[in-house]
Amino acid sequence: MEKAVVCAKCRARLPVNAKFCLQCGAEVSDEKKIRKEEFVVSGSELLNRVKEIIHEGNIRRIVIKQEGRTLIEIPLTVAAIGALLAPILAAVGALAALVTNCTIEVERIEKE
């Protein structure tokens, strides 16, 4: 599992103690840090793992990738609204039937 701080503006990876982005110069807020986690799962585990991640909360974005290609991105605003979650989970379930192994990339908001 990989953890990193990323710039909110340009999404560049940053050192954990960075005050400014090395690529775009944006100030890195001390209040919110973005932690990135990656999980490699089989297709049969995909839907259940995505449901668990959404249930855990503090999520900014979920990206499902296979072999480096992005298959689906789920922004926090969609994951937070229950009525819109059902079609997204149906799409994730359909993906699970088609892929063998994939990577789930999760961006969490951490408050210090």
PDB file of N, CA and C in Angstrom:
ATOM      1  N   MET A   1       0.848  -1.164   0.000  1.00  0.00           N
ATOM      2  CA  MET A   1       0.000   0.000   0.000  1.00  0.00           C
ATOM      3  C   MET A   1       0.900   1.235   0.000  1.00  0.00           C
ATOM      4  N   GLU A   2       0.635   2.128  -0.919  1.00  0.00           N
ATOM      5  CA  GLU A   2       1.456   3.318  -1.083  1.00  0.00           C
ATOM      6  C   GLU A   2       0.736   4.522  -0.500  1.00  0.00           C
ATOM      7  N   LYS A   3       1.449   5.318   0.295  1.00  0.00           N
ATOM      8  CA  LYS A   3       0.870   6.519   0.878  1.00  0.00           C
ATOM      9  C   LYS A   3       1.697   7.709   0.440  1.00  0.00           C
ATOM     10  N   ALA A   4       1.037   8.796   0.058  1.00  0.00           N
ATOM     11  CA  ALA A   4       1.750   9.974  -0.407  1.00  0.00           C
ATOM     12  C   ALA A   4       0.898  11.211  -0.178  1.00  0.00           C
ATOM     13  N   VAL A   5       1.545  12.365  -0.160  1.00  0.00           N
ATOM     14  CA  VAL A   5       0.858  13.649  -0.117  1.00  0.00           C
ATOM     15  C   VAL A   5       0.881  14.182  -1.542  1.00  0.00           C
ATOM     16  N   VAL A   6      -0.257  14.701  -2.003  1.00  0.00           N
ATOM     17  CA  VAL A   6      -0.314  15.240  -3.355  1.00  0.00           C
ATOM     18  C   VAL A   6      -0.811  16.677  -3.326  1.00  0.00           C
ATOM     19  N   CYS A   7      -0.400  17.445  -4.314  1.00  0.00           N
ATOM     20  CA  CYS A   7      -0.822  18.832  -4.451  1.00  0.00           C
ATOM     21  C   CYS A   7      -2.286  18.860  -4.863  1.00  0.00           C
ATOM     22  N   ALA A   8      -3.094  19.665  -4.202  1.00  0.00           N
ATOM     23  CA  ALA A   8      -4.510  19.776  -4.526  1.00  0.00           C
ATOM     24  C   ALA A   8      -4.726  20.457  -5.869  1.00  0.00           C
ATOM     25  N   LYS A   9      -3.768  21.272  -6.309  1.00  0.00           N
ATOM     26  CA  LYS A   9      -3.921  22.016  -7.560  1.00  0.00           C
ATOM     27  C   LYS A   9      -3.474  21.211  -8.783  1.00  0.00           C
ATOM     28  N   CYS A  10      -2.234  20.687  -8.758  1.00  0.00           N
ATOM     29  CA  CYS A  10      -1.697  20.004  -9.948  1.00  0.00           C
ATOM     30  C   CYS A  10      -1.550  18.500  -9.753  1.00  0.00           C
ATOM     31  N   ARG A  11      -1.818  17.999  -8.551  1.00  0.00           N
ATOM     32  CA  ARG A  11      -1.802  16.584  -8.217  1.00  0.00           C
ATOM     33  C   ARG A  11      -0.412  15.950  -8.253  1.00  0.00           C
ATOM     34  N   ALA A  12       0.634  16.758  -8.155  1.00  0.00           N
ATOM     35  CA  ALA A  12       2.001  16.244  -8.110  1.00  0.00           C
ATOM     36  C   ALA A  12       2.261  15.611  -6.742  1.00  0.00           C
ATOM     37  N   ARG A  13       3.064  14.554  -6.729  1.00  0.00           N
ATOM     38  CA  ARG A  13       3.451  13.933  -5.460  1.00  0.00           C
ATOM     39  C   ARG A  13       4.421  14.846  -4.738  1.00  0.00           C
ATOM     40  N   LEU A  14       4.236  14.959  -3.427  1.00  0.00           N
ATOM     41  CA  LEU A  14       5.038  15.873  -2.624  1.00  0.00           C
ATOM     42  C   LEU A  14       5.658  15.155  -1.441  1.00  0.00           C
ATOM     43  N   PRO A  15       6.770  15.671  -0.932  1.00  0.00           N
ATOM     44  CA  PRO A  15       7.289  15.151   0.333  1.00  0.00           C
ATOM     45  C   PRO A  15       6.272  15.420   1.439  1.00  0.00           C
ATOM     46  N   VAL A  16       6.223  14.579   2.428  1.00  0.00           N
ATOM     47  CA  VAL A  16       5.224  14.686   3.491  1.00  0.00           C
ATOM     48  C   VAL A  16       5.274  16.041   4.193  1.00  0.00           C
ATOM     49  N   ASN A  17       6.449  16.631   4.372  1.00  0.00           N
ATOM     50  CA  ASN A  17       6.570  17.888   5.104  1.00  0.00           C
ATOM     51  C   ASN A  17       6.609  19.121   4.197  1.00  0.00           C
ATOM     52  N   ALA A  18       6.210  19.014   2.938  1.00  0.00           N
ATOM     53  CA  ALA A  18       6.276  20.133   1.985  1.00  0.00           C
ATOM     54  C   ALA A  18       5.318  21.252   2.389  1.00  0.00           C
ATOM     55  N   LYS A  19       5.759  22.488   2.230  1.00  0.00           N
ATOM     56  CA  LYS A  19       4.923  23.664   2.474  1.00  0.00           C
ATOM     57  C   LYS A  19       4.382  24.222   1.162  1.00  0.00           C
ATOM     58  N   PHE A  20       5.130  23.997   0.059  1.00  0.00           N
ATOM     59  CA  PHE A  20       4.728  24.449  -1.266  1.00  0.00           C
ATOM     60  C   PHE A  20       4.948  23.312  -2.259  1.00  0.00           C
ATOM     61  N   CYS A  21       4.140  23.281  -3.318  1.00  0.00           N
ATOM     62  CA  CYS A  21       4.289  22.284  -4.374  1.00  0.00           C
ATOM     63  C   CYS A  21       5.565  22.583  -5.161  1.00  0.00           C
ATOM     64  N   LEU A  22       6.340  21.569  -5.422  1.00  0.00           N
ATOM     65  CA  LEU A  22       7.589  21.731  -6.158  1.00  0.00           C
ATOM     66  C   LEU A  22       7.354  21.968  -7.649  1.00  0.00           C
ATOM     67  N   GLN A  23       6.158  21.612  -8.157  1.00  0.00           N
ATOM     68  CA  GLN A  23       5.887  21.771  -9.585  1.00  0.00           C
ATOM     69  C   GLN A  23       5.130  23.048  -9.913  1.00  0.00           C
ATOM     70  N   CYS A  24       4.063  23.332  -9.169  1.00  0.00           N
ATOM     71  CA  CYS A  24       3.238  24.497  -9.520  1.00  0.00           C
ATOM     72  C   CYS A  24       3.390  25.663  -8.534  1.00  0.00           C
ATOM     73  N   GLY A  25       4.026  25.424  -7.396  1.00  0.00           N
ATOM     74  CA  GLY A  25       4.250  26.481  -6.427  1.00  0.00           C
ATOM     75  C   GLY A  25       3.095  26.748  -5.479  1.00  0.00           C
ATOM     76  N   ALA A  26       2.000  25.995  -5.599  1.00  0.00           N
ATOM     77  CA  ALA A  26       0.839  26.205  -4.734  1.00  0.00           C
ATOM     78  C   ALA A  26       1.191  25.884  -3.287  1.00  0.00           C
ATOM     79  N   GLU A  27       0.603  26.643  -2.370  1.00  0.00           N
ATOM     80  CA  GLU A  27       0.837  26.395  -0.954  1.00  0.00           C
ATOM     81  C   GLU A  27       0.107  25.117  -0.551  1.00  0.00           C
ATOM     82  N   VAL A  28       0.785  24.307   0.226  1.00  0.00           N
ATOM     83  CA  VAL A  28       0.189  23.075   0.731  1.00  0.00           C
ATOM     84  C   VAL A  28      -0.429  23.409   2.072  1.00  0.00           C
ATOM     85  N   SER A  29      -1.723  23.237   2.190  1.00  0.00           N
ATOM     86  CA  SER A  29      -2.438  23.573   3.410  1.00  0.00           C
ATOM     87  C   SER A  29      -2.027  22.651   4.546  1.00  0.00           C
ATOM     88  N   ASP A  30      -1.828  23.232   5.717  1.00  0.00           N
ATOM     89  CA  ASP A  30      -1.522  22.430   6.901  1.00  0.00           C
ATOM     90  C   ASP A  30      -2.771  21.749   7.451  1.00  0.00           C
ATOM     91  N   GLU A  31      -3.935  22.298   7.121  1.00  0.00           N
ATOM     92  CA  GLU A  31      -5.169  21.750   7.661  1.00  0.00           C
ATOM     93  C   GLU A  31      -5.553  20.437   6.995  1.00  0.00           C
ATOM     94  N   LYS A  32      -5.367  20.366   5.699  1.00  0.00           N
ATOM     95  CA  LYS A  32      -5.778  19.163   4.980  1.00  0.00           C
ATOM     96  C   LYS A  32      -4.610  18.618   4.184  1.00  0.00           C
ATOM     97  N   LYS A  33      -4.361  17.359   4.347  1.00  0.00           N
ATOM     98  CA  LYS A  33      -3.364  16.651   3.560  1.00  0.00           C
ATOM     99  C   LYS A  33      -4.100  15.534   2.833  1.00  0.00           C
ATOM    100  N   ILE A  34      -3.659  15.265   1.638  1.00  0.00           N
ATOM    101  CA  ILE A  34      -4.255  14.187   0.867  1.00  0.00           C
ATOM    102  C   ILE A  34      -3.338  12.983   0.979  1.00  0.00           C
ATOM    103  N   ARG A  35      -3.887  11.890   1.432  1.00  0.00           N
ATOM    104  CA  ARG A  35      -3.130  10.646   1.526  1.00  0.00           C
ATOM    105  C   ARG A  35      -3.640   9.719   0.438  1.00  0.00           C
ATOM    106  N   LYS A  36      -2.715   9.194  -0.334  1.00  0.00           N
ATOM    107  CA  LYS A  36      -3.083   8.308  -1.429  1.00  0.00           C
ATOM    108  C   LYS A  36      -2.741   6.874  -1.042  1.00  0.00           C
ATOM    109  N   GLU A  37      -3.699   5.988  -1.233  1.00  0.00           N
ATOM    110  CA  GLU A  37      -3.494   4.567  -0.959  1.00  0.00           C
ATOM    111  C   GLU A  37      -3.833   3.797  -2.221  1.00  0.00           C
ATOM    112  N   GLU A  38      -3.133   2.709  -2.451  1.00  0.00           N
ATOM    113  CA  GLU A  38      -3.436   1.856  -3.589  1.00  0.00           C
ATOM    114  C   GLU A  38      -3.602   0.430  -3.115  1.00  0.00           C
ATOM    115  N   PHE A  39      -4.618  -0.241  -3.647  1.00  0.00           N
ATOM    116  CA  PHE A  39      -4.887  -1.628  -3.320  1.00  0.00           C
ATOM    117  C   PHE A  39      -4.986  -2.407  -4.626  1.00  0.00           C
ATOM    118  N   VAL A  40      -4.342  -3.547  -4.701  1.00  0.00           N
ATOM    119  CA  VAL A  40      -4.482  -4.426  -5.858  1.00  0.00           C
ATOM    120  C   VAL A  40      -5.443  -5.530  -5.447  1.00  0.00           C
ATOM    121  N   VAL A  41      -6.530  -5.658  -6.200  1.00  0.00           N
ATOM    122  CA  VAL A  41      -7.560  -6.645  -5.879  1.00  0.00           C
ATOM    123  C   VAL A  41      -7.938  -7.427  -7.126  1.00  0.00           C
ATOM    124  N   SER A  42      -8.518  -8.598  -6.916  1.00  0.00           N
ATOM    125  CA  SER A  42      -9.041  -9.379  -8.040  1.00  0.00           C
ATOM    126  C   SER A  42     -10.419  -8.842  -8.398  1.00  0.00           C
ATOM    127  N   GLY A  43     -10.898  -9.200  -9.572  1.00  0.00           N
ATOM    128  CA  GLY A  43     -12.210  -8.736 -10.013  1.00  0.00           C
ATOM    129  C   GLY A  43     -13.318  -9.124  -9.054  1.00  0.00           C
ATOM    130  N   SER A  44     -13.213 -10.323  -8.470  1.00  0.00           N
ATOM    131  CA  SER A  44     -14.262 -10.787  -7.559  1.00  0.00           C
ATOM    132  C   SER A  44     -14.288  -9.995  -6.243  1.00  0.00           C
ATOM    133  N   GLU A  45     -13.169  -9.381  -5.863  1.00  0.00           N
ATOM    134  CA  GLU A  45     -13.096  -8.608  -4.623  1.00  0.00           C
ATOM    135  C   GLU A  45     -13.404  -7.126  -4.832  1.00  0.00           C
ATOM    136  N   LEU A  46     -13.445  -6.681  -6.076  1.00  0.00           N
ATOM    137  CA  LEU A  46     -13.521  -5.256  -6.399  1.00  0.00           C
ATOM    138  C   LEU A  46     -14.729  -4.561  -5.774  1.00  0.00           C
ATOM    139  N   LEU A  47     -15.920  -5.052  -6.023  1.00  0.00           N
ATOM    140  CA  LEU A  47     -17.133  -4.375  -5.548  1.00  0.00           C
ATOM    141  C   LEU A  47     -17.168  -4.283  -4.022  1.00  0.00           C
ATOM    142  N   ASN A  48     -16.862  -5.386  -3.345  1.00  0.00           N
ATOM    143  CA  ASN A  48     -16.892  -5.360  -1.878  1.00  0.00           C
ATOM    144  C   ASN A  48     -15.860  -4.403  -1.305  1.00  0.00           C
ATOM    145  N   ARG A  49     -14.674  -4.356  -1.910  1.00  0.00           N
ATOM    146  CA  ARG A  49     -13.627  -3.457  -1.407  1.00  0.00           C
ATOM    147  C   ARG A  49     -14.009  -1.996  -1.619  1.00  0.00           C
ATOM    148  N   VAL A  50     -14.617  -1.662  -2.772  1.00  0.00           N
ATOM    149  CA  VAL A  50     -15.056  -0.292  -3.020  1.00  0.00           C
ATOM    150  C   VAL A  50     -16.139   0.108  -2.011  1.00  0.00           C
ATOM    151  N   LYS A  51     -17.068  -0.782  -1.728  1.00  0.00           N
ATOM    152  CA  LYS A  51     -18.104  -0.494  -0.733  1.00  0.00           C
ATOM    153  C   LYS A  51     -17.483  -0.229   0.636  1.00  0.00           C
ATOM    154  N   GLU A  52     -16.494  -1.032   1.032  1.00  0.00           N
ATOM    155  CA  GLU A  52     -15.817  -0.845   2.314  1.00  0.00           C
ATOM    156  C   GLU A  52     -15.122   0.516   2.381  1.00  0.00           C
ATOM    157  N   ILE A  53     -14.442   0.872   1.291  1.00  0.00           N
ATOM    158  CA  ILE A  53     -13.707   2.139   1.254  1.00  0.00           C
ATOM    159  C   ILE A  53     -14.664   3.316   1.385  1.00  0.00           C
ATOM    160  N   ILE A  54     -15.775   3.275   0.665  1.00  0.00           N
ATOM    161  CA  ILE A  54     -16.761   4.364   0.740  1.00  0.00           C
ATOM    162  C   ILE A  54     -17.336   4.460   2.152  1.00  0.00           C
ATOM    163  N   HIS A  55     -17.597   3.323   2.753  1.00  0.00           N
ATOM    164  CA  HIS A  55     -18.160   3.290   4.109  1.00  0.00           C
ATOM    165  C   HIS A  55     -17.179   3.874   5.134  1.00  0.00           C
ATOM    166  N   GLU A  56     -15.865   3.721   4.929  1.00  0.00           N
ATOM    167  CA  GLU A  56     -14.864   4.233   5.861  1.00  0.00           C
ATOM    168  C   GLU A  56     -14.884   5.758   5.950  1.00  0.00           C
ATOM    169  N   GLY A  57     -15.241   6.445   4.874  1.00  0.00           N
ATOM    170  CA  GLY A  57     -15.352   7.901   4.888  1.00  0.00           C
ATOM    171  C   GLY A  57     -14.038   8.631   4.675  1.00  0.00           C
ATOM    172  N   ASN A  58     -14.085   9.976   4.736  1.00  0.00           N
ATOM    173  CA  ASN A  58     -12.945  10.873   4.513  1.00  0.00           C
ATOM    174  C   ASN A  58     -12.304  10.658   3.152  1.00  0.00           C
ATOM    175  N   ILE A  59     -13.104  10.342   2.154  1.00  0.00           N
ATOM    176  CA  ILE A  59     -12.580  10.037   0.826  1.00  0.00           C
ATOM    177  C   ILE A  59     -12.803  11.217  -0.101  1.00  0.00           C
ATOM    178  N   ARG A  60     -11.769  11.563  -0.821  1.00  0.00           N
ATOM    179  CA  ARG A  60     -11.856  12.631  -1.809  1.00  0.00           C
ATOM    180  C   ARG A  60     -12.177  12.056  -3.184  1.00  0.00           C
ATOM    181  N   ARG A  61     -11.544  10.907  -3.495  1.00  0.00           N
ATOM    182  CA  ARG A  61     -11.734  10.324  -4.817  1.00  0.00           C
ATOM    183  C   ARG A  61     -11.302   8.863  -4.798  1.00  0.00           C
ATOM    184  N   ILE A  62     -11.985   8.046  -5.598  1.00  0.00           N
ATOM    185  CA  ILE A  62     -11.607   6.646  -5.820  1.00  0.00           C
ATOM    186  C   ILE A  62     -11.393   6.482  -7.315  1.00  0.00           C
ATOM    187  N   VAL A  63     -10.263   5.886  -7.687  1.00  0.00           N
ATOM    188  CA  VAL A  63      -9.967   5.622  -9.088  1.00  0.00           C
ATOM    189  C   VAL A  63      -9.702   4.127  -9.229  1.00  0.00           C
ATOM    190  N   ILE A  64     -10.364   3.495 -10.182  1.00  0.00           N
ATOM    191  CA  ILE A  64     -10.133   2.083 -10.456  1.00  0.00           C
ATOM    192  C   ILE A  64      -9.362   1.989 -11.767  1.00  0.00           C
ATOM    193  N   LYS A  65      -8.209   1.303 -11.697  1.00  0.00           N
ATOM    194  CA  LYS A  65      -7.325   1.202 -12.854  1.00  0.00           C
ATOM    195  C   LYS A  65      -7.021  -0.256 -13.154  1.00  0.00           C
ATOM    196  N   GLN A  66      -6.730  -0.518 -14.422  1.00  0.00           N
ATOM    197  CA  GLN A  66      -6.231  -1.825 -14.818  1.00  0.00           C
ATOM    198  C   GLN A  66      -5.080  -1.596 -15.785  1.00  0.00           C
ATOM    199  N   GLU A  67      -3.926  -2.149 -15.432  1.00  0.00           N
ATOM    200  CA  GLU A  67      -2.709  -2.022 -16.246  1.00  0.00           C
ATOM    201  C   GLU A  67      -2.400  -0.565 -16.576  1.00  0.00           C
ATOM    202  N   GLY A  68      -2.560   0.320 -15.590  1.00  0.00           N
ATOM    203  CA  GLY A  68      -2.248   1.729 -15.773  1.00  0.00           C
ATOM    204  C   GLY A  68      -3.338   2.563 -16.422  1.00  0.00           C
ATOM    205  N   ARG A  69      -4.362   1.941 -16.957  1.00  0.00           N
ATOM    206  CA  ARG A  69      -5.483   2.671 -17.582  1.00  0.00           C
ATOM    207  C   ARG A  69      -6.569   2.915 -16.553  1.00  0.00           C
ATOM    208  N   THR A  70      -7.073   4.137 -16.530  1.00  0.00           N
ATOM    209  CA  THR A  70      -8.167   4.469 -15.625  1.00  0.00           C
ATOM    210  C   THR A  70      -9.471   3.944 -16.209  1.00  0.00           C
ATOM    211  N   LEU A  71     -10.176   3.124 -15.438  1.00  0.00           N
ATOM    212  CA  LEU A  71     -11.454   2.570 -15.875  1.00  0.00           C
ATOM    213  C   LEU A  71     -12.627   3.404 -15.386  1.00  0.00           C
ATOM    214  N   ILE A  72     -12.554   3.867 -14.136  1.00  0.00           N
ATOM    215  CA  ILE A  72     -13.632   4.689 -13.576  1.00  0.00           C
ATOM    216  C   ILE A  72     -13.073   5.543 -12.445  1.00  0.00           C
ATOM    217  N   GLU A  73     -13.573   6.769 -12.329  1.00  0.00           N
ATOM    218  CA  GLU A  73     -13.229   7.669 -11.231  1.00  0.00           C
ATOM    219  C   GLU A  73     -14.510   8.015 -10.485  1.00  0.00           C
ATOM    220  N   ILE A  74     -14.451   7.933  -9.168  1.00  0.00           N
ATOM    221  CA  ILE A  74     -15.609   8.259  -8.337  1.00  0.00           C
ATOM    222  C   ILE A  74     -15.210   9.428  -7.439  1.00  0.00           C
ATOM    223  N   PRO A  75     -15.726  10.636  -7.693  1.00  0.00           N
ATOM    224  CA  PRO A  75     -15.398  11.779  -6.829  1.00  0.00           C
ATOM    225  C   PRO A  75     -16.148  11.695  -5.505  1.00  0.00           C
ATOM    226  N   LEU A  76     -15.632  12.358  -4.497  1.00  0.00           N
ATOM    227  CA  LEU A  76     -16.228  12.364  -3.158  1.00  0.00           C
ATOM    228  C   LEU A  76     -17.679  12.807  -3.186  1.00  0.00           C
ATOM    229  N   THR A  77     -17.995  13.823  -3.960  1.00  0.00           N
ATOM    230  CA  THR A  77     -19.352  14.357  -3.944  1.00  0.00           C
ATOM    231  C   THR A  77     -20.368  13.301  -4.359  1.00  0.00           C
ATOM    232  N   VAL A  78     -19.997  12.439  -5.297  1.00  0.00           N
ATOM    233  CA  VAL A  78     -20.910  11.371  -5.714  1.00  0.00           C
ATOM    234  C   VAL A  78     -20.983  10.299  -4.640  1.00  0.00           C
ATOM    235  N   ALA A  79     -19.839   9.944  -4.073  1.00  0.00           N
ATOM    236  CA  ALA A  79     -19.818   8.899  -3.055  1.00  0.00           C
ATOM    237  C   ALA A  79     -20.583   9.310  -1.802  1.00  0.00           C
ATOM    238  N   ALA A  80     -20.668  10.620  -1.552  1.00  0.00           N
ATOM    239  CA  ALA A  80     -21.336  11.109  -0.351  1.00  0.00           C
ATOM    240  C   ALA A  80     -22.851  11.117  -0.490  1.00  0.00           C
ATOM    241  N   ILE A  81     -23.344  11.079  -1.694  1.00  0.00           N
ATOM    242  CA  ILE A  81     -24.788  11.143  -1.920  1.00  0.00           C
ATOM    243  C   ILE A  81     -25.304   9.734  -2.200  1.00  0.00           C
ATOM    244  N   GLY A  82     -26.059   9.201  -1.246  1.00  0.00           N
ATOM    245  CA  GLY A  82     -26.539   7.828  -1.327  1.00  0.00           C
ATOM    246  C   GLY A  82     -27.363   7.510  -2.558  1.00  0.00           C
ATOM    247  N   ALA A  83     -28.207   8.420  -3.004  1.00  0.00           N
ATOM    248  CA  ALA A  83     -29.088   8.152  -4.151  1.00  0.00           C
ATOM    249  C   ALA A  83     -28.293   7.953  -5.434  1.00  0.00           C
ATOM    250  N   LEU A  84     -27.167   8.627  -5.554  1.00  0.00           N
ATOM    251  CA  LEU A  84     -26.342   8.487  -6.755  1.00  0.00           C
ATOM    252  C   LEU A  84     -25.362   7.334  -6.655  1.00  0.00           C
ATOM    253  N   LEU A  85     -25.244   6.736  -5.488  1.00  0.00           N
ATOM    254  CA  LEU A  85     -24.268   5.681  -5.273  1.00  0.00           C
ATOM    255  C   LEU A  85     -24.658   4.367  -5.939  1.00  0.00           C
ATOM    256  N   ALA A  86     -25.926   4.048  -5.989  1.00  0.00           N
ATOM    257  CA  ALA A  86     -26.373   2.765  -6.552  1.00  0.00           C
ATOM    258  C   ALA A  86     -25.936   2.562  -8.004  1.00  0.00           C
ATOM    259  N   PRO A  87     -26.132   3.522  -8.911  1.00  0.00           N
ATOM    260  CA  PRO A  87     -25.668   3.300 -10.291  1.00  0.00           C
ATOM    261  C   PRO A  87     -24.146   3.181 -10.396  1.00  0.00           C
ATOM    262  N   ILE A  88     -23.426   3.895  -9.543  1.00  0.00           N
ATOM    263  CA  ILE A  88     -21.958   3.805  -9.547  1.00  0.00           C
ATOM    264  C   ILE A  88     -21.533   2.407  -9.116  1.00  0.00           C
ATOM    265  N   LEU A  89     -22.145   1.897  -8.062  1.00  0.00           N
ATOM    266  CA  LEU A  89     -21.803   0.552  -7.607  1.00  0.00           C
ATOM    267  C   LEU A  89     -22.197  -0.498  -8.641  1.00  0.00           C
ATOM    268  N   ALA A  90     -23.280  -0.258  -9.377  1.00  0.00           N
ATOM    269  CA  ALA A  90     -23.659  -1.175 -10.458  1.00  0.00           C
ATOM    270  C   ALA A  90     -22.589  -1.180 -11.546  1.00  0.00           C
ATOM    271  N   ALA A  91     -22.045  -0.003 -11.860  1.00  0.00           N
ATOM    272  CA  ALA A  91     -20.970   0.082 -12.857  1.00  0.00           C
ATOM    273  C   ALA A  91     -19.711  -0.622 -12.355  1.00  0.00           C
ATOM    274  N   VAL A  92     -19.401  -0.445 -11.069  1.00  0.00           N
ATOM    275  CA  VAL A  92     -18.239  -1.126 -10.490  1.00  0.00           C
ATOM    276  C   VAL A  92     -18.453  -2.639 -10.534  1.00  0.00           C
ATOM    277  N   GLY A  93     -19.670  -3.076 -10.262  1.00  0.00           N
ATOM    278  CA  GLY A  93     -19.988  -4.505 -10.339  1.00  0.00           C
ATOM    279  C   GLY A  93     -19.816  -5.057 -11.745  1.00  0.00           C
ATOM    280  N   ALA A  94     -20.218  -4.272 -12.749  1.00  0.00           N
ATOM    281  CA  ALA A  94     -20.038  -4.689 -14.143  1.00  0.00           C
ATOM    282  C   ALA A  94     -18.548  -4.772 -14.487  1.00  0.00           C
ATOM    283  N   LEU A  95     -17.773  -3.811 -14.002  1.00  0.00           N
ATOM    284  CA  LEU A  95     -16.318  -3.854 -14.215  1.00  0.00           C
ATOM    285  C   LEU A  95     -15.716  -5.097 -13.575  1.00  0.00           C
ATOM    286  N   ALA A  96     -16.192  -5.427 -12.390  1.00  0.00           N
ATOM    287  CA  ALA A  96     -15.659  -6.583 -11.665  1.00  0.00           C
ATOM    288  C   ALA A  96     -15.833  -7.866 -12.472  1.00  0.00           C
ATOM    289  N   ALA A  97     -16.907  -7.942 -13.250  1.00  0.00           N
ATOM    290  CA  ALA A  97     -17.146  -9.124 -14.063  1.00  0.00           C
ATOM    291  C   ALA A  97     -16.195  -9.190 -15.256  1.00  0.00           C
ATOM    292  N   LEU A  98     -15.643  -8.061 -15.661  1.00  0.00           N
ATOM    293  CA  LEU A  98     -14.804  -8.005 -16.862  1.00  0.00           C
ATOM    294  C   LEU A  98     -13.305  -8.028 -16.583  1.00  0.00           C
ATOM    295  N   VAL A  99     -12.879  -7.606 -15.399  1.00  0.00           N
ATOM    296  CA  VAL A  99     -11.448  -7.508 -15.123  1.00  0.00           C
ATOM    297  C   VAL A  99     -10.987  -8.661 -14.240  1.00  0.00           C
ATOM    298  N   THR A 100      -9.709  -8.999 -14.380  1.00  0.00           N
ATOM    299  CA  THR A 100      -9.145 -10.034 -13.517  1.00  0.00           C
ATOM    300  C   THR A 100      -8.483  -9.392 -12.301  1.00  0.00           C
ATOM    301  N   ASN A 101      -7.494  -8.566 -12.527  1.00  0.00           N
ATOM    302  CA  ASN A 101      -6.837  -7.837 -11.439  1.00  0.00           C
ATOM    303  C   ASN A 101      -6.881  -6.358 -11.756  1.00  0.00           C
ATOM    304  N   CYS A 102      -7.062  -5.552 -10.734  1.00  0.00           N
ATOM    305  CA  CYS A 102      -7.076  -4.104 -10.937  1.00  0.00           C
ATOM    306  C   CYS A 102      -6.543  -3.424  -9.683  1.00  0.00           C
ATOM    307  N   THR A 103      -6.309  -2.134  -9.820  1.00  0.00           N
ATOM    308  CA  THR A 103      -5.806  -1.330  -8.714  1.00  0.00           C
ATOM    309  C   THR A 103      -6.860  -0.318  -8.319  1.00  0.00           C
ATOM    310  N   ILE A 104      -7.123  -0.220  -7.028  1.00  0.00           N
ATOM    311  CA  ILE A 104      -8.015   0.807  -6.507  1.00  0.00           C
ATOM    312  C   ILE A 104      -7.129   1.872  -5.881  1.00  0.00           C
ATOM    313  N   GLU A 105      -7.224   3.089  -6.398  1.00  0.00           N
ATOM    314  CA  GLU A 105      -6.460   4.213  -5.863  1.00  0.00           C
ATOM    315  C   GLU A 105      -7.425   5.082  -5.068  1.00  0.00           C
ATOM    316  N   VAL A 106      -7.116   5.305  -3.806  1.00  0.00           N
ATOM    317  CA  VAL A 106      -7.995   6.056  -2.909  1.00  0.00           C
ATOM    318  C   VAL A 106      -7.283   7.307  -2.438  1.00  0.00           C
ATOM    319  N   GLU A 107      -7.946   8.446  -2.536  1.00  0.00           N
ATOM    320  CA  GLU A 107      -7.413   9.696  -1.988  1.00  0.00           C
ATOM    321  C   GLU A 107      -8.250  10.051  -0.773  1.00  0.00           C
ATOM    322  N   ARG A 108      -7.587  10.103   0.375  1.00  0.00           N
ATOM    323  CA  ARG A 108      -8.270  10.435   1.632  1.00  0.00           C
ATOM    324  C   ARG A 108      -7.821  11.814   2.107  1.00  0.00           C
ATOM    325  N   ILE A 109      -8.720  12.505   2.752  1.00  0.00           N
ATOM    326  CA  ILE A 109      -8.415  13.816   3.336  1.00  0.00           C
ATOM    327  C   ILE A 109      -8.061  13.583   4.795  1.00  0.00           C
ATOM    328  N   GLU A 110      -6.879  14.029   5.161  1.00  0.00           N
ATOM    329  CA  GLU A 110      -6.441  13.926   6.559  1.00  0.00           C
ATOM    330  C   GLU A 110      -6.386  15.299   7.157  1.00  0.00           C
ATOM    331  N   LYS A 111      -6.897  15.456   8.351  1.00  0.00           N
ATOM    332  CA  LYS A 111      -6.798  16.726   9.080  1.00  0.00           C
ATOM    333  C   LYS A 111      -5.767  16.545  10.164  1.00  0.00           C
ATOM    334  N   GLU A 112      -4.886  17.521  10.279  1.00  0.00           N
ATOM    335  CA  GLU A 112      -3.807  17.428  11.276  1.00  0.00           C
ATOM    336  C   GLU A 112      -4.144  18.180  12.524  1.00  0.00           C
TER     337      GLU A 112
END
